[in-house]
Structure formats: C-alpha cells, structure tokens
N, C-alpha and C. Protein backbone atom coordinates (compact mmCIF):
# COMPACT_ATOMS: atom_id res chain seq x y z
N MET A 1 13.79 -41.29 -5.05
CA MET A 1 13.54 -40.17 -5.19
C MET A 1 13.36 -38.87 -4.54
N THR A 2 13.74 -38.28 -4.70
CA THR A 2 12.49 -37.29 -3.51
C THR A 2 12.22 -36.12 -4.81
N LYS A 3 11.02 -35.62 -3.74
CA LYS A 3 10.13 -34.65 -4.91
C LYS A 3 10.54 -33.32 -4.83
N LYS A 4 10.56 -32.77 -6.05
CA LYS A 4 10.76 -31.62 -6.47
C LYS A 4 10.25 -30.21 -5.99
N THR A 5 9.69 -29.41 -4.65
CA THR A 5 9.09 -29.00 -4.36
C THR A 5 9.23 -27.20 -5.67
N GLU A 6 8.10 -26.92 -6.11
CA GLU A 6 7.77 -25.94 -7.33
C GLU A 6 7.87 -23.93 -6.29
N GLU A 7 9.47 -22.98 -7.41
CA GLU A 7 9.46 -22.72 -6.57
C GLU A 7 8.50 -21.64 -6.79
N SER A 8 7.91 -20.73 -5.88
CA SER A 8 6.95 -19.23 -5.80
C SER A 8 7.63 -17.99 -6.80
N PHE A 9 6.88 -17.71 -6.67
CA PHE A 9 6.75 -16.48 -8.04
C PHE A 9 8.53 -15.56 -6.99
N GLY A 10 7.85 -15.01 -6.38
CA GLY A 10 9.47 -14.43 -5.46
C GLY A 10 9.66 -15.04 -5.84
N GLU A 11 10.51 -16.69 -5.44
CA GLU A 11 11.60 -17.25 -5.14
C GLU A 11 12.15 -17.19 -6.69
N ARG A 12 11.26 -17.16 -7.75
CA ARG A 12 11.07 -17.32 -9.48
C ARG A 12 12.28 -15.71 -10.06
N ILE A 13 11.72 -15.14 -8.78
CA ILE A 13 12.09 -13.76 -9.70
C ILE A 13 13.27 -13.31 -9.14
N ARG A 14 13.90 -13.84 -7.67
CA ARG A 14 14.96 -13.51 -6.64
C ARG A 14 16.24 -14.08 -7.76
N ARG A 15 15.88 -15.74 -7.88
CA ARG A 15 16.47 -16.59 -9.16
C ARG A 15 17.14 -15.92 -10.02
N LEU A 16 15.72 -15.36 -11.19
CA LEU A 16 16.20 -15.06 -12.01
C LEU A 16 17.15 -13.79 -12.27
N ARG A 17 17.13 -12.54 -10.95
CA ARG A 17 17.59 -11.63 -11.02
C ARG A 17 18.81 -11.44 -10.59
N GLU A 18 19.26 -12.75 -9.86
CA GLU A 18 20.73 -13.45 -9.57
C GLU A 18 21.50 -13.51 -10.54
N ALA A 19 20.81 -14.87 -10.89
CA ALA A 19 21.46 -15.59 -12.31
C ALA A 19 22.14 -14.29 -13.57
N LYS A 20 20.91 -13.42 -13.49
CA LYS A 20 21.64 -11.67 -14.28
C LYS A 20 22.33 -11.18 -14.04
N GLY A 21 22.96 -11.29 -12.73
CA GLY A 21 24.04 -10.81 -11.43
C GLY A 21 23.84 -9.69 -11.96
N ILE A 22 22.08 -8.80 -10.98
CA ILE A 22 21.36 -7.69 -10.91
C ILE A 22 21.11 -7.25 -9.56
N SER A 23 22.19 -6.52 -9.12
CA SER A 23 21.61 -5.89 -7.97
C SER A 23 20.26 -5.66 -7.44
N MET A 24 19.78 -5.19 -6.25
CA MET A 24 18.76 -4.92 -5.79
C MET A 24 18.83 -3.23 -6.32
N LYS A 25 19.18 -2.35 -6.47
CA LYS A 25 19.74 -0.93 -6.37
C LYS A 25 19.44 -0.78 -8.02
N ILE A 26 20.62 -2.28 -8.60
CA ILE A 26 20.25 -1.97 -10.45
C ILE A 26 18.43 -2.62 -11.09
N PHE A 27 18.37 -3.31 -10.28
CA PHE A 27 17.20 -4.21 -10.05
C PHE A 27 15.93 -2.71 -9.86
N SER A 28 15.77 -1.77 -8.90
CA SER A 28 14.94 -0.82 -8.80
C SER A 28 15.21 0.05 -9.97
N HIS A 29 16.21 0.28 -10.06
CA HIS A 29 16.54 1.30 -10.97
C HIS A 29 15.82 1.27 -13.03
N ASP A 30 16.10 -0.21 -13.07
CA ASP A 30 15.46 -0.75 -14.13
C ASP A 30 13.95 -0.96 -14.38
N THR A 31 13.39 -1.39 -13.25
CA THR A 31 11.65 -1.40 -13.36
C THR A 31 11.49 -0.25 -12.41
N GLY A 32 12.33 1.40 -11.85
CA GLY A 32 11.37 2.02 -11.43
C GLY A 32 10.26 1.92 -10.67
N TYR A 33 10.67 1.03 -10.01
CA TYR A 33 10.24 0.93 -8.52
C TYR A 33 11.34 0.39 -7.44
N PRO A 34 10.35 1.41 -5.56
CA PRO A 34 11.02 0.67 -5.04
C PRO A 34 11.87 -0.58 -4.44
N GLU A 35 13.04 -0.43 -3.74
CA GLU A 35 13.43 -1.75 -3.92
C GLU A 35 12.66 -1.87 -2.40
N ASP A 36 11.50 -1.60 -1.57
CA ASP A 36 11.45 -2.20 -0.42
C ASP A 36 9.83 -2.79 -1.70
N PHE A 37 9.23 -2.38 -2.66
CA PHE A 37 8.59 -2.88 -2.86
C PHE A 37 8.87 -4.30 -3.71
N LEU A 38 9.70 -4.53 -4.08
CA LEU A 38 10.52 -5.19 -5.01
C LEU A 38 10.79 -6.60 -3.76
N LYS A 39 11.85 -6.28 -2.90
CA LYS A 39 11.83 -7.39 -1.56
C LYS A 39 10.40 -8.19 -1.20
N GLU A 40 9.40 -6.74 -1.21
CA GLU A 40 8.36 -8.31 -0.88
C GLU A 40 7.66 -8.88 -2.09
N ILE A 41 8.16 -8.53 -3.44
CA ILE A 41 7.66 -10.03 -4.05
C ILE A 41 8.71 -10.46 -4.19
N GLU A 42 9.67 -10.43 -4.28
CA GLU A 42 10.41 -11.93 -3.76
C GLU A 42 10.50 -12.56 -2.51
N GLU A 43 10.37 -11.36 -1.64
CA GLU A 43 9.68 -12.60 -0.64
C GLU A 43 8.02 -12.58 0.43
N ASP A 44 7.04 -12.76 -1.07
CA ASP A 44 6.02 -13.48 -1.45
C ASP A 44 5.50 -13.25 -0.41
N LYS A 45 5.69 -12.28 -0.02
CA LYS A 45 4.85 -10.79 1.05
C LYS A 45 3.68 -9.85 0.05
N ILE A 46 4.01 -9.76 -1.22
CA ILE A 46 2.68 -9.73 -2.00
C ILE A 46 2.34 -10.21 -3.05
N ALA A 47 1.60 -10.20 -3.81
CA ALA A 47 1.74 -10.71 -5.13
C ALA A 47 0.97 -9.32 -6.26
N PRO A 48 2.05 -9.15 -6.96
CA PRO A 48 2.20 -7.90 -7.33
C PRO A 48 1.00 -7.89 -9.15
N PRO A 49 1.08 -7.07 -9.17
CA PRO A 49 -0.30 -6.91 -10.14
C PRO A 49 0.61 -7.54 -11.29
N VAL A 50 -1.04 -7.69 -12.73
CA VAL A 50 -0.21 -7.76 -13.59
C VAL A 50 0.52 -7.07 -14.66
N ALA A 51 0.36 -5.86 -14.36
CA ALA A 51 1.52 -4.84 -15.06
C ALA A 51 2.26 -5.04 -14.21
N VAL A 52 2.69 -5.01 -13.36
CA VAL A 52 4.26 -5.64 -12.97
C VAL A 52 5.04 -6.84 -13.23
N VAL A 53 4.00 -7.88 -13.44
CA VAL A 53 4.27 -9.06 -13.65
C VAL A 53 4.91 -9.10 -15.60
N LEU A 54 3.91 -8.41 -15.95
CA LEU A 54 4.95 -7.98 -17.44
C LEU A 54 5.78 -7.01 -17.87
N GLN A 55 6.14 -6.56 -17.27
CA GLN A 55 7.46 -5.71 -16.92
C GLN A 55 8.95 -6.64 -16.40
N LEU A 56 8.44 -7.44 -15.63
CA LEU A 56 9.57 -8.35 -15.23
C LEU A 56 9.68 -9.31 -15.95
N SER A 57 8.65 -9.75 -17.34
CA SER A 57 8.80 -10.73 -18.21
C SER A 57 9.89 -10.24 -18.71
N ARG A 58 9.22 -9.04 -19.07
CA ARG A 58 10.51 -8.21 -20.27
C ARG A 58 11.77 -8.20 -19.87
N ILE A 59 12.02 -7.57 -18.73
CA ILE A 59 13.50 -7.36 -18.23
C ILE A 59 13.71 -8.95 -17.98
N PHE A 60 13.32 -10.05 -17.46
CA PHE A 60 14.01 -11.15 -17.58
C PHE A 60 13.91 -12.06 -18.46
N ASN A 61 13.39 -11.92 -19.83
CA ASN A 61 13.25 -11.59 -21.55
C ASN A 61 12.24 -13.34 -21.27
N VAL A 62 11.73 -13.45 -20.60
CA VAL A 62 10.88 -14.99 -20.33
C VAL A 62 8.94 -14.90 -21.11
N ASP A 63 8.76 -15.66 -20.99
CA ASP A 63 7.13 -16.08 -21.03
C ASP A 63 6.38 -15.62 -19.70
N MET A 64 5.04 -14.37 -19.90
CA MET A 64 4.94 -13.43 -18.74
C MET A 64 4.22 -14.71 -18.58
N ASP A 65 3.60 -15.60 -19.47
CA ASP A 65 2.50 -17.56 -18.97
C ASP A 65 3.36 -18.08 -17.79
N GLN A 66 4.83 -17.95 -18.68
CA GLN A 66 5.88 -18.71 -17.06
C GLN A 66 5.50 -17.84 -15.53
N LEU A 67 5.72 -17.01 -16.12
CA LEU A 67 5.52 -16.59 -14.10
C LEU A 67 4.18 -15.84 -13.45
N GLN A 68 3.26 -16.06 -14.44
CA GLN A 68 1.52 -15.32 -14.10
C GLN A 68 1.09 -16.59 -13.44
N ASP A 69 1.57 -18.03 -14.32
CA ASP A 69 0.86 -19.11 -13.67
C ASP A 69 1.78 -19.57 -12.16
N THR A 70 3.17 -19.41 -11.80
CA THR A 70 3.14 -18.81 -10.41
C THR A 70 2.17 -17.99 -9.50
N ARG A 71 2.57 -17.15 -10.21
CA ARG A 71 2.06 -16.21 -9.77
C ARG A 71 0.82 -15.89 -9.14
N ASN A 72 -0.32 -17.37 -9.50
CA ASN A 72 -1.80 -17.50 -9.71
C ASN A 72 -1.80 -18.26 -8.68
N LYS A 73 -0.51 -20.08 -8.87
CA LYS A 73 -0.49 -20.31 -7.73
C LYS A 73 -0.23 -20.12 -6.27
N GLU A 74 0.62 -19.14 -6.21
CA GLU A 74 0.78 -17.97 -4.56
C GLU A 74 0.13 -17.55 -4.34
N ALA A 75 -0.68 -16.92 -5.41
CA ALA A 75 -1.53 -16.17 -4.40
C ALA A 75 -3.01 -17.05 -4.04
N ALA A 76 -3.35 -18.06 -4.62
CA ALA A 76 -4.61 -19.28 -4.49
C ALA A 76 -3.96 -19.41 -2.98
N ARG A 77 -2.00 -20.06 -3.41
CA ARG A 77 -1.87 -20.20 -1.51
C ARG A 77 -2.66 -19.26 -0.56
N LYS A 78 -2.12 -18.11 -0.21
CA LYS A 78 -2.41 -17.33 -0.11
C LYS A 78 -3.61 -16.87 0.74
N ARG A 79 -4.27 -16.87 -0.60
CA ARG A 79 -6.15 -16.40 -0.54
C ARG A 79 -6.51 -18.31 0.83
N THR A 80 -6.17 -19.41 0.67
CA THR A 80 -6.20 -20.38 1.44
C THR A 80 -5.84 -20.09 3.32
N THR A 81 -4.55 -19.91 3.02
CA THR A 81 -3.63 -19.28 4.34
C THR A 81 -4.20 -18.29 4.85
N SER A 82 -4.19 -17.13 4.43
CA SER A 82 -5.74 -16.12 4.92
C SER A 82 -6.87 -16.74 5.91
N HIS A 83 -7.99 -16.92 4.75
CA HIS A 83 -8.47 -17.71 5.35
C HIS A 83 -8.18 -18.52 6.60
N LYS A 84 -7.83 -19.67 6.09
CA LYS A 84 -7.74 -20.12 7.72
C LYS A 84 -7.18 -19.52 8.71
N LYS A 85 -6.23 -18.99 8.76
CA LYS A 85 -5.65 -17.79 9.86
C LYS A 85 -6.92 -17.26 10.48
N ARG A 86 -7.91 -16.45 9.34
CA ARG A 86 -8.92 -15.83 10.38
C ARG A 86 -9.95 -16.79 10.83
N VAL A 87 -10.73 -17.69 10.28
CA VAL A 87 -10.85 -18.44 10.87
C VAL A 87 -11.12 -19.12 11.90
N ALA A 88 -9.77 -19.28 12.41
CA ALA A 88 -9.70 -19.84 13.57
C ALA A 88 -9.14 -19.23 14.30
N SER A 89 -9.36 -17.22 14.00
CA SER A 89 -8.96 -16.78 15.47
C SER A 89 -11.47 -16.25 15.69
N TYR A 90 -10.95 -16.13 17.16
CA TYR A 90 -11.90 -16.15 17.85
C TYR A 90 -12.97 -15.41 17.25
N ALA A 91 -12.64 -14.19 16.83
CA ALA A 91 -14.05 -12.83 16.44
C ALA A 91 -13.76 -13.61 14.90
N TYR A 92 -14.05 -14.58 14.19
CA TYR A 92 -14.23 -13.82 12.79
C TYR A 92 -14.61 -15.54 12.71
N ALA A 93 -15.93 -15.25 11.71
CA ALA A 93 -17.16 -16.88 11.72
C ALA A 93 -17.74 -16.76 10.23
N SER A 94 -16.85 -18.17 9.64
CA SER A 94 -16.45 -17.44 7.94
C SER A 94 -18.80 -17.93 7.73
N LEU A 95 -18.87 -16.64 6.93
CA LEU A 95 -20.14 -16.60 6.41
C LEU A 95 -19.95 -17.40 4.69
N THR A 96 -18.91 -17.83 3.84
CA THR A 96 -18.75 -17.74 3.09
C THR A 96 -18.14 -19.83 3.02
N THR A 97 -18.85 -20.15 1.98
CA THR A 97 -18.31 -22.09 2.65
C THR A 97 -18.56 -23.00 1.05
N PRO A 98 -18.04 -23.61 0.38
CA PRO A 98 -16.29 -23.13 1.51
C PRO A 98 -15.53 -22.03 1.04
N GLY A 99 -14.53 -21.34 1.77
CA GLY A 99 -14.72 -20.69 1.51
C GLY A 99 -12.96 -20.44 1.07
N GLU A 100 -12.15 -21.01 1.63
CA GLU A 100 -10.87 -20.85 1.09
C GLU A 100 -9.94 -20.79 0.18
N GLU A 101 -10.71 -20.80 -0.83
CA GLU A 101 -9.90 -20.57 -2.18
C GLU A 101 -10.71 -19.81 -2.74
N LYS A 102 -12.09 -19.03 -2.47
CA LYS A 102 -12.42 -17.90 -3.57
C LYS A 102 -12.09 -16.57 -2.97
N HIS A 103 -12.24 -16.06 -4.35
CA HIS A 103 -12.04 -14.71 -4.38
C HIS A 103 -12.44 -13.70 -3.37
N LEU A 104 -13.91 -13.82 -3.64
CA LEU A 104 -14.68 -12.91 -2.24
C LEU A 104 -15.11 -13.98 -0.80
N ARG A 105 -14.88 -13.07 0.25
CA ARG A 105 -15.51 -14.10 1.43
C ARG A 105 -16.01 -12.74 1.93
N ALA A 106 -17.18 -13.94 3.18
CA ALA A 106 -18.07 -12.90 3.99
C ALA A 106 -17.44 -13.27 5.03
N TYR A 107 -17.24 -12.59 6.47
CA TYR A 107 -17.58 -13.15 7.75
C TYR A 107 -18.62 -12.34 8.36
N ARG A 108 -18.33 -12.86 10.23
CA ARG A 108 -19.66 -12.61 10.92
C ARG A 108 -17.67 -12.58 11.88
N VAL A 109 -17.91 -10.89 12.36
CA VAL A 109 -16.70 -10.84 12.75
C VAL A 109 -17.83 -9.90 14.18
N THR A 110 -16.97 -9.96 15.19
CA THR A 110 -17.60 -9.64 16.81
C THR A 110 -16.16 -9.94 17.37
N ILE A 111 -16.34 -8.02 18.16
CA ILE A 111 -15.41 -7.44 18.38
C ILE A 111 -15.85 -7.53 19.96
N ASP A 112 -15.46 -7.51 21.46
CA ASP A 112 -16.03 -7.08 22.34
C ASP A 112 -15.48 -5.08 22.79
N PRO A 113 -16.90 -5.18 23.83
CA PRO A 113 -17.02 -3.36 24.08
C PRO A 113 -15.60 -3.57 24.64
N GLN A 114 -14.74 -2.00 24.17
CA GLN A 114 -14.24 -1.23 24.24
C GLN A 114 -12.80 -2.27 24.29
N THR A 115 -12.70 -2.51 23.11
CA THR A 115 -11.30 -3.19 22.66
C THR A 115 -10.64 -3.28 21.18
N GLU A 116 -9.61 -2.88 21.29
CA GLU A 116 -9.18 -2.87 19.78
C GLU A 116 -8.94 -4.69 19.10
N HIS A 117 -9.57 -4.12 17.64
CA HIS A 117 -9.75 -5.91 17.18
C HIS A 117 -8.60 -6.41 17.01
N LYS A 118 -8.67 -7.98 17.36
CA LYS A 118 -7.45 -8.13 17.18
C LYS A 118 -7.17 -8.32 15.08
N GLY A 119 -5.62 -8.17 14.67
CA GLY A 119 -4.87 -8.36 13.81
C GLY A 119 -5.19 -9.84 13.21
N VAL A 120 -6.31 -10.00 12.38
CA VAL A 120 -5.37 -11.68 11.79
C VAL A 120 -5.53 -11.09 10.38
N GLU A 121 -4.39 -11.34 9.38
CA GLU A 121 -4.29 -11.26 8.04
C GLU A 121 -4.36 -9.25 7.75
N TYR A 122 -4.02 -8.35 8.82
CA TYR A 122 -4.35 -7.40 8.19
C TYR A 122 -4.00 -7.01 7.06
N HIS A 123 -2.71 -7.12 6.11
CA HIS A 123 -1.94 -6.69 4.81
C HIS A 123 -2.60 -7.50 3.69
N HIS A 124 -3.22 -6.74 3.28
CA HIS A 124 -3.39 -8.25 1.98
C HIS A 124 -3.81 -7.02 1.06
N GLU A 125 -3.86 -7.95 -0.37
CA GLU A 125 -3.92 -7.17 -1.88
C GLU A 125 -5.70 -7.20 -1.58
N GLY A 126 -6.05 -6.36 -1.95
CA GLY A 126 -7.62 -6.17 -2.47
C GLY A 126 -8.37 -5.18 -2.15
N GLU A 127 -10.00 -5.40 -1.56
CA GLU A 127 -10.62 -4.68 -1.10
C GLU A 127 -11.67 -5.15 0.22
N GLU A 128 -12.36 -4.10 0.84
CA GLU A 128 -12.98 -5.20 2.11
C GLU A 128 -13.87 -4.06 2.27
N PHE A 129 -14.86 -4.71 2.72
CA PHE A 129 -16.48 -4.18 2.62
C PHE A 129 -17.02 -4.26 4.82
N VAL A 130 -17.30 -3.11 5.00
CA VAL A 130 -16.91 -3.52 6.68
C VAL A 130 -18.81 -3.02 6.87
N TYR A 131 -19.89 -3.32 7.35
CA TYR A 131 -21.01 -3.21 7.58
C TYR A 131 -21.48 -3.34 9.19
N VAL A 132 -21.93 -2.57 10.39
CA VAL A 132 -22.15 -2.89 11.44
C VAL A 132 -23.24 -3.29 11.51
N LEU A 133 -23.40 -4.37 11.95
CA LEU A 133 -25.02 -4.79 12.26
C LEU A 133 -25.28 -4.67 13.98
N HIS A 134 -24.25 -4.28 14.44
CA HIS A 134 -24.73 -4.07 16.32
C HIS A 134 -23.84 -3.72 16.75
N GLY A 135 -23.76 -3.15 17.46
CA GLY A 135 -22.74 -1.52 18.38
C GLY A 135 -21.87 -0.52 17.57
N GLY A 136 -21.36 -0.58 17.62
CA GLY A 136 -20.10 1.09 16.61
C GLY A 136 -18.61 0.11 16.89
N LEU A 137 -18.33 0.72 15.70
CA LEU A 137 -17.30 0.52 15.07
C LEU A 137 -16.19 1.77 14.89
N THR A 138 -14.95 1.79 15.79
CA THR A 138 -14.24 2.82 15.39
C THR A 138 -12.99 2.49 14.43
N ILE A 139 -12.65 2.97 13.05
CA ILE A 139 -12.07 1.73 12.19
C ILE A 139 -10.95 3.04 11.19
N GLN A 140 -9.83 2.73 11.47
CA GLN A 140 -8.49 3.94 11.29
C GLN A 140 -8.21 2.77 9.46
N VAL A 141 -8.01 3.62 8.71
CA VAL A 141 -7.53 3.42 7.01
C VAL A 141 -6.56 4.33 6.82
N GLY A 142 -5.50 3.66 7.23
CA GLY A 142 -4.32 4.41 6.27
C GLY A 142 -4.42 6.43 7.57
N ARG A 143 -4.60 6.88 7.27
CA ARG A 143 -4.60 8.23 7.77
C ARG A 143 -5.94 8.71 8.32
N ASN A 144 -6.99 7.91 7.72
CA ASN A 144 -8.31 8.56 8.13
C ASN A 144 -9.22 8.05 9.27
N THR A 145 -9.78 7.92 10.37
CA THR A 145 -10.96 7.42 10.49
C THR A 145 -12.19 8.19 10.85
N SER A 146 -12.78 6.44 10.87
CA SER A 146 -15.03 6.58 10.78
C SER A 146 -14.93 6.09 12.13
N ILE A 147 -15.66 6.53 12.01
CA ILE A 147 -16.72 6.19 13.60
C ILE A 147 -18.21 5.60 12.76
N LEU A 148 -18.54 4.65 12.79
CA LEU A 148 -20.01 4.16 11.97
C LEU A 148 -20.50 3.10 13.42
N LYS A 149 -21.61 3.35 13.66
CA LYS A 149 -23.08 3.10 14.29
C LYS A 149 -23.90 1.65 13.52
N ARG A 150 -25.10 1.04 13.59
CA ARG A 150 -25.17 -0.16 13.17
C ARG A 150 -26.35 0.60 12.47
N GLY A 151 -26.13 -0.45 11.10
CA GLY A 151 -26.37 0.32 10.21
C GLY A 151 -25.35 0.32 8.74
N GLU A 152 -24.76 1.05 9.56
CA GLU A 152 -23.12 2.02 8.78
C GLU A 152 -22.18 1.41 8.08
N CYS A 153 -21.67 1.60 7.08
CA CYS A 153 -20.74 0.67 5.48
C CYS A 153 -19.53 1.35 5.89
N ILE A 154 -18.28 1.02 5.30
CA ILE A 154 -17.21 1.48 4.70
C ILE A 154 -17.11 0.73 4.15
N SER A 155 -15.97 1.39 2.26
CA SER A 155 -15.70 0.09 1.66
C SER A 155 -13.68 0.76 1.27
N PHE A 156 -12.96 -0.19 1.81
CA PHE A 156 -11.93 0.28 1.39
C PHE A 156 -10.77 -0.30 0.11
N ASP A 157 -9.55 0.20 -0.32
CA ASP A 157 -8.47 -0.57 -0.33
C ASP A 157 -8.01 -1.49 0.68
N SER A 158 -7.61 -2.96 0.64
CA SER A 158 -7.15 -3.77 2.41
C SER A 158 -5.88 -3.80 2.42
N SER A 159 -5.03 -2.68 0.82
CA SER A 159 -3.23 -3.00 1.69
C SER A 159 -3.04 -1.87 1.74
N LEU A 160 -3.95 -0.98 2.70
CA LEU A 160 -3.83 0.02 3.38
C LEU A 160 -4.28 -0.17 4.96
N SER A 161 -3.35 0.15 5.45
CA SER A 161 -3.02 -0.24 7.22
C SER A 161 -3.99 0.38 7.55
N HIS A 162 -5.12 -0.95 8.43
CA HIS A 162 -6.43 -0.66 9.05
C HIS A 162 -6.60 -0.96 10.43
N LYS A 163 -6.88 -0.23 10.91
CA LYS A 163 -7.71 -0.98 12.91
C LYS A 163 -8.99 -0.72 13.25
N LEU A 164 -9.58 -1.86 14.07
CA LEU A 164 -10.53 -1.88 13.87
C LEU A 164 -10.95 -1.31 15.13
N SER A 165 -11.47 -1.11 16.15
CA SER A 165 -11.61 -0.85 17.40
C SER A 165 -13.33 -1.08 18.10
N ASN A 166 -14.31 -1.42 19.47
CA ASN A 166 -15.57 -1.07 19.23
C ASN A 166 -15.18 0.01 20.58
N PRO A 167 -15.74 0.66 20.27
CA PRO A 167 -15.85 2.10 21.15
C PRO A 167 -17.00 1.76 22.35
N SER A 168 -17.64 1.29 22.14
CA SER A 168 -19.12 1.03 22.45
C SER A 168 -18.60 0.28 24.26
N GLN A 169 -19.74 -0.46 24.69
CA GLN A 169 -19.91 -0.56 25.90
C GLN A 169 -20.59 -2.08 26.03
N GLU A 170 -21.23 -2.39 24.45
CA GLU A 170 -21.61 -3.32 23.72
C GLU A 170 -20.59 -3.61 22.68
N LYS A 171 -20.81 -5.26 22.69
CA LYS A 171 -20.22 -6.39 21.73
C LYS A 171 -20.96 -5.17 20.13
N ALA A 172 -19.50 -5.44 19.27
CA ALA A 172 -19.92 -4.85 18.15
C ALA A 172 -19.96 -6.52 17.30
N GLU A 173 -20.97 -6.86 16.43
CA GLU A 173 -20.57 -7.30 15.57
C GLU A 173 -20.99 -6.97 14.00
N LEU A 174 -19.84 -7.83 13.24
CA LEU A 174 -19.64 -7.11 12.23
C LEU A 174 -20.23 -7.98 10.36
N LEU A 175 -20.33 -7.10 9.52
CA LEU A 175 -20.58 -8.19 8.69
C LEU A 175 -19.24 -7.53 7.40
N VAL A 176 -18.56 -8.48 7.10
CA VAL A 176 -16.96 -8.13 7.29
C VAL A 176 -17.14 -8.43 5.38
N VAL A 177 -16.94 -8.09 4.31
CA VAL A 177 -16.71 -9.50 3.43
C VAL A 177 -14.83 -8.37 2.20
N ILE A 178 -14.80 -9.65 1.98
CA ILE A 178 -13.21 -9.24 1.83
C ILE A 178 -13.29 -9.67 -0.02
N TYR A 179 -12.49 -9.25 -0.91
CA TYR A 179 -12.22 -9.81 -2.01
C TYR A 179 -10.64 -9.69 -1.63
N VAL A 180 -10.18 -10.71 -2.65
CA VAL A 180 -8.68 -10.29 -2.76
C VAL A 180 -8.66 -11.31 -4.15
N PRO A 181 -7.26 -10.52 -4.51
CA PRO A 181 -7.59 -11.53 -6.41
C PRO A 181 -6.72 -12.29 -6.40
C-alpha cells in the first residue's frame, strides 16, 4: 500500500478550478485578481491572505477550514524550507533556535566590502527589519533606495523586491529580523 501524499494549497485550488471547468481568464474575472497572482497561488509560490482564501472557498463552495488547514501546513513547510536555505548560506547565522518553524526569526548577516548581498529567499510574505551593527549598507526596496550606517535601521514589507549591498571598505554586519506568516 502506497502512502498518499497530501495535496498542497495551490494544487487543491487548481484541482477545484479545473473540476469546475473554469479557465484562468474566467477565474481571474470571477475573483477580481490578476491571472499572475492566481497562477502564483496555484504554483504555491505565495500563500494568499485569509481574505483571498475566504473568497476562494465561496467560489468553490467548500468549507474555508478545509482550505485554510492546507494553506497553514503549506505556509509552515515554506517557513521551514526558507529558514534552512538561509542558514545554509555563508552570510546568515541564525539567532533564533530552533528557528525552523518560528514566524519571527533573527539572523546575523554579513556582507563583504563593496559587494552585493547574494539573495537567499528574497521574495516572501511578511515584514523585515534590518539594523546595521557594523559598516554600511545600501538597501533598495521596490524603487526606493536607502543608505544606512552603523546604528541605523529600516523595516519594510518583505514581499517587495529588495536588494542589499555593502558600499563600504569594511565588512558589514547586520541584524535582520524577519516575520513570516
């Protein structure tokens, strides 16, 4: 007897949509969300907010708890995977132990002089707080660029595209606190 693997949130949404014979274009029209956003949900690239899950449960006429349970398990799996990728990177040292399943995590991040930080799990839901412990930092969040020195900080919606670089001649050390739902 083979063990049945549990369906992810995105797989379940795609299965429900296809079972009703709804094209992605009509799905987009019926929900009011862009096709790209809905594709990211179906591909498990993002975990949608609760309001979206509620709307999807109404469209598919299923109990929200049934969808929410799968969404929560998927989000927990993504948090764990994301944490493991970060601590495997040369630049990240976890300050949260054990941190794999925590929603709030702290890292000590180092960036070599005059280099761009190698992106590790840059795109994720939640919030991010960056505090410069040593050196300097240039951070671009969306279209906005900030230059931070020792003792300065910034917080932002981490689903926005963001890039960090060290413009100084010395190694930059940062305290990075990430909240993921």
